[in-house]
Amino acid sequence: MIYIKLFLTFFKIGLFSFGGGYAMIPLIEKELESHNWMTSSQFYNIIAVSETTPGPISVNSATFVGYEVGGIFGSIVATMGVATPSLILILIICKYLLKYQDNGIFKNAFSGIRPVVAGLIIAAAFFVAQTSVFKKSVTVSTIHDAAIHPFKYLNFKSILILVIVTLMLEKFKLHPILVIFLSGVIGVVFFYII
């Protein structure tokens, strides 16, 4: 039964996640919470691993979550679930979009979808920040306390890594693959050695 649930859950995520893997993160988290498959902290560890391994984050996340929930077969089922809607939709789009690409309804529909995608990516960034940058969960009602007592709420090691990564990308123009590797090394030094 767990394999059917995994497939259907990730099929639904794959079907309704416009904008790629980062837009899926809030949907995956919501589904994991509703099924009690893992905690937010466990999920964001999976997201961190998914970001550093080759391939799309959506497929990697589905594979890792499936493995945690149902072993190897669970990872296969979850991966198939998240990829199947894209395959079906791209086949339909290839057939009809080229034929109707200048239609005003299609253009307006995609114009309406773009802001939603941006919002989902911003929400994903917020959710990831809650588990990596903050020691405690920060909500609108606790922002005031976090501003008054930053040492109580903020994880300064993570913030320092964020600053270093931003410098590596913007100032020194390092390749993102090298930045991911270096960030892993810095994470080991900051959180394991120090």
Protein backbone atom coordinates (compact mmCIF):
# COMPACT_ATOMS: atom_id res chain seq x y z
CA MET A 1 0.00 0.00 0.00
CA ILE A 2 2.88 2.41 0.76
CA TYR A 3 4.12 2.13 -2.81
CA ILE A 4 0.75 3.13 -4.24
CA LYS A 5 0.64 6.08 -1.83
CA LEU A 6 4.17 7.11 -2.82
CA PHE A 7 3.37 6.93 -6.53
CA LEU A 8 0.09 8.84 -6.22
CA THR A 9 1.59 11.47 -3.91
CA PHE A 10 4.51 12.19 -6.20
CA PHE A 11 2.31 11.96 -9.30
CA LYS A 12 0.15 14.72 -7.79
CA ILE A 13 3.24 16.77 -6.94
CA GLY A 14 4.61 16.32 -10.45
CA LEU A 15 1.25 17.19 -12.00
CA PHE A 16 0.69 20.43 -10.10
CA SER A 17 4.23 21.77 -9.77
CA PHE A 18 4.81 24.39 -12.40
CA GLY A 19 8.23 26.01 -12.39
CA GLY A 20 10.50 23.08 -11.74
CA GLY A 21 12.01 21.48 -8.66
CA TYR A 22 12.26 24.47 -6.36
CA ALA A 23 8.58 25.22 -6.87
CA MET A 24 7.85 21.64 -5.73
CA ILE A 25 9.53 21.99 -2.34
CA PRO A 26 6.51 23.45 -0.48
CA LEU A 27 4.22 20.86 -2.08
CA ILE A 28 6.51 17.97 -1.16
CA GLU A 29 6.82 19.25 2.41
CA LYS A 30 3.02 19.56 2.75
CA GLU A 31 2.52 16.01 1.48
CA LEU A 32 5.20 14.60 3.78
CA GLU A 33 3.55 16.31 6.75
CA SER A 34 0.09 15.03 5.81
CA HIS A 35 1.38 11.43 5.58
CA ASN A 36 3.72 11.74 8.60
CA TRP A 37 6.55 10.27 6.53
CA MET A 38 9.32 12.52 7.89
CA THR A 39 10.01 15.70 9.82
CA SER A 40 10.80 19.07 8.22
CA SER A 41 14.39 18.76 9.39
CA GLN A 42 14.78 15.36 7.73
CA PHE A 43 13.18 16.71 4.55
CA TYR A 44 15.51 19.70 4.36
CA ASN A 45 18.50 17.41 4.79
CA ILE A 46 17.18 15.53 1.77
CA ILE A 47 16.80 18.84 -0.12
CA ALA A 48 20.42 19.70 0.70
CA VAL A 49 21.60 16.34 -0.65
CA SER A 50 19.30 16.67 -3.68
CA GLU A 51 20.81 20.05 -4.53
CA THR A 52 24.34 18.70 -4.44
CA THR A 53 23.76 15.54 -6.49
CA PRO A 54 23.52 15.57 -10.29
CA GLY A 55 20.07 15.77 -11.82
CA PRO A 56 16.87 17.74 -11.29
CA ILE A 57 16.09 18.54 -7.67
CA SER A 58 12.52 17.28 -8.07
CA VAL A 59 13.61 13.83 -9.24
CA ASN A 60 16.42 13.64 -6.68
CA SER A 61 14.06 14.66 -3.86
CA ALA A 62 11.46 12.12 -4.92
CA THR A 63 14.13 9.42 -5.12
CA PHE A 64 15.55 10.19 -1.66
CA VAL A 65 12.13 10.58 -0.01
CA GLY A 66 10.94 7.35 -1.64
CA TYR A 67 14.02 5.56 -0.35
CA GLU A 68 13.49 6.87 3.20
CA VAL A 69 9.83 5.85 3.18
CA GLY A 70 9.89 2.60 1.18
CA GLY A 71 13.45 1.51 0.47
CA ILE A 72 14.82 0.94 -3.02
CA PHE A 73 11.46 0.08 -4.55
CA GLY A 74 9.98 3.15 -2.85
CA SER A 75 12.61 5.33 -4.50
CA ILE A 76 11.79 3.86 -7.92
CA VAL A 77 8.05 4.31 -7.42
CA ALA A 78 8.37 7.91 -6.15
CA THR A 79 10.69 8.84 -9.02
CA MET A 80 8.29 7.34 -11.55
CA GLY A 81 5.42 9.18 -9.87
CA VAL A 82 7.07 12.60 -10.10
CA ALA A 83 8.31 12.09 -13.68
CA THR A 84 5.18 10.58 -15.26
CA PRO A 85 3.04 13.77 -15.32
CA SER A 86 5.83 15.68 -17.04
CA LEU A 87 6.15 12.98 -19.66
CA ILE A 88 2.40 12.94 -20.33
CA LEU A 89 2.11 16.73 -20.37
CA ILE A 90 5.10 17.27 -22.65
CA LEU A 91 3.68 14.79 -25.16
CA ILE A 92 0.36 16.66 -25.14
CA ILE A 93 2.08 20.04 -25.34
CA CYS A 94 4.26 18.97 -28.24
CA LYS A 95 1.19 17.91 -30.13
CA TYR A 96 -0.98 20.98 -29.51
CA LEU A 97 1.18 23.90 -28.39
CA LEU A 98 2.97 24.37 -31.66
CA LYS A 99 -0.41 24.41 -33.36
CA TYR A 100 -1.93 27.00 -30.98
CA GLN A 101 1.14 28.88 -29.68
CA ASP A 102 -0.11 32.24 -30.98
CA ASN A 103 -3.53 31.83 -29.38
CA GLY A 104 -4.23 34.61 -26.85
CA ILE A 105 -5.67 32.20 -24.27
CA PHE A 106 -2.42 30.20 -24.13
CA LYS A 107 -0.31 33.35 -23.88
CA ASN A 108 -2.47 34.74 -21.08
CA ALA A 109 -2.49 31.42 -19.22
CA PHE A 110 1.32 31.31 -19.18
CA SER A 111 1.43 34.96 -18.11
CA GLY A 112 -0.74 34.03 -15.14
CA ILE A 113 1.38 31.02 -14.22
CA ARG A 114 4.74 32.88 -14.11
CA PRO A 115 4.03 34.91 -10.90
CA VAL A 116 2.81 31.76 -9.15
CA VAL A 117 6.07 30.01 -10.02
CA ALA A 118 8.05 32.95 -8.60
CA GLY A 119 5.95 32.82 -5.43
CA LEU A 120 6.52 29.08 -4.99
CA ILE A 121 10.28 29.52 -5.38
CA ILE A 122 10.27 32.35 -2.80
CA ALA A 123 8.22 30.13 -0.44
CA ALA A 124 10.76 27.32 -0.92
CA ALA A 125 13.61 29.71 -0.09
CA PHE A 126 11.75 30.80 3.05
CA PHE A 127 11.15 27.19 4.16
CA VAL A 128 14.80 26.25 3.59
CA ALA A 129 15.93 29.37 5.48
CA GLN A 130 13.77 28.39 8.45
CA THR A 131 15.68 25.17 8.95
CA SER A 132 19.17 26.32 7.99
CA VAL A 133 19.53 29.99 8.94
CA PHE A 134 17.33 30.00 12.05
CA LYS A 135 17.85 27.88 15.17
CA LYS A 136 14.17 28.16 16.04
CA SER A 137 11.17 28.47 13.79
CA VAL A 138 10.58 32.14 13.01
CA THR A 139 7.05 33.27 12.23
CA VAL A 140 5.52 36.69 11.71
CA SER A 141 4.71 36.83 15.42
CA THR A 142 8.29 35.98 16.48
CA ILE A 143 10.13 38.32 14.09
CA HIS A 144 10.20 41.00 16.81
CA ASP A 145 11.78 38.56 19.30
CA ALA A 146 14.29 37.44 16.66
CA ALA A 147 15.29 41.07 16.02
CA ILE A 148 15.79 41.72 19.75
CA HIS A 149 17.53 38.40 20.51
CA PRO A 150 19.34 37.41 17.28
CA PHE A 151 21.72 35.00 19.04
CA LYS A 152 18.72 33.06 20.30
CA TYR A 153 17.20 32.63 16.82
CA LEU A 154 19.92 32.91 14.19
CA ASN A 155 22.41 30.21 13.24
CA PHE A 156 25.46 32.38 12.61
CA LYS A 157 27.52 29.54 11.13
CA SER A 158 24.89 29.09 8.41
CA ILE A 159 24.72 32.84 7.83
CA LEU A 160 28.52 32.97 7.49
CA ILE A 161 28.38 30.13 4.95
CA LEU A 162 25.65 32.04 3.07
CA VAL A 163 27.88 35.14 2.94
CA ILE A 164 30.89 33.10 1.81
CA VAL A 165 28.84 31.38 -0.91
CA THR A 166 27.46 34.71 -2.12
CA LEU A 167 31.01 36.09 -2.32
CA MET A 168 32.21 33.01 -4.18
CA LEU A 169 29.42 33.38 -6.73
CA GLU A 170 29.20 37.15 -7.13
CA LYS A 171 32.62 38.55 -6.29
CA PHE A 172 34.92 35.76 -7.41
CA LYS A 173 32.61 34.35 -10.13
CA LEU A 174 33.37 30.73 -9.22
CA HIS A 175 31.54 28.01 -11.10
CA PRO A 176 28.40 26.82 -9.21
CA ILE A 177 29.66 23.21 -9.14
CA LEU A 178 32.85 24.33 -7.41
CA VAL A 179 30.78 26.48 -5.01
CA ILE A 180 28.61 23.47 -4.09
CA PHE A 181 31.70 21.34 -3.43
CA LEU A 182 33.41 24.10 -1.40
CA SER A 183 30.19 24.72 0.57
CA GLY A 184 30.12 21.06 1.56
CA VAL A 185 33.73 21.30 2.75
CA ILE A 186 32.98 24.50 4.66
CA GLY A 187 29.91 22.83 6.21
CA VAL A 188 32.03 19.92 7.45
CA VAL A 189 34.59 22.32 8.91
CA PHE A 190 32.00 24.60 10.55
CA PHE A 191 29.56 21.99 11.87
CA TYR A 192 31.71 18.90 12.43
CA ILE A 193 35.25 20.03 13.17
CA ILE A 194 34.71 23.39 14.90
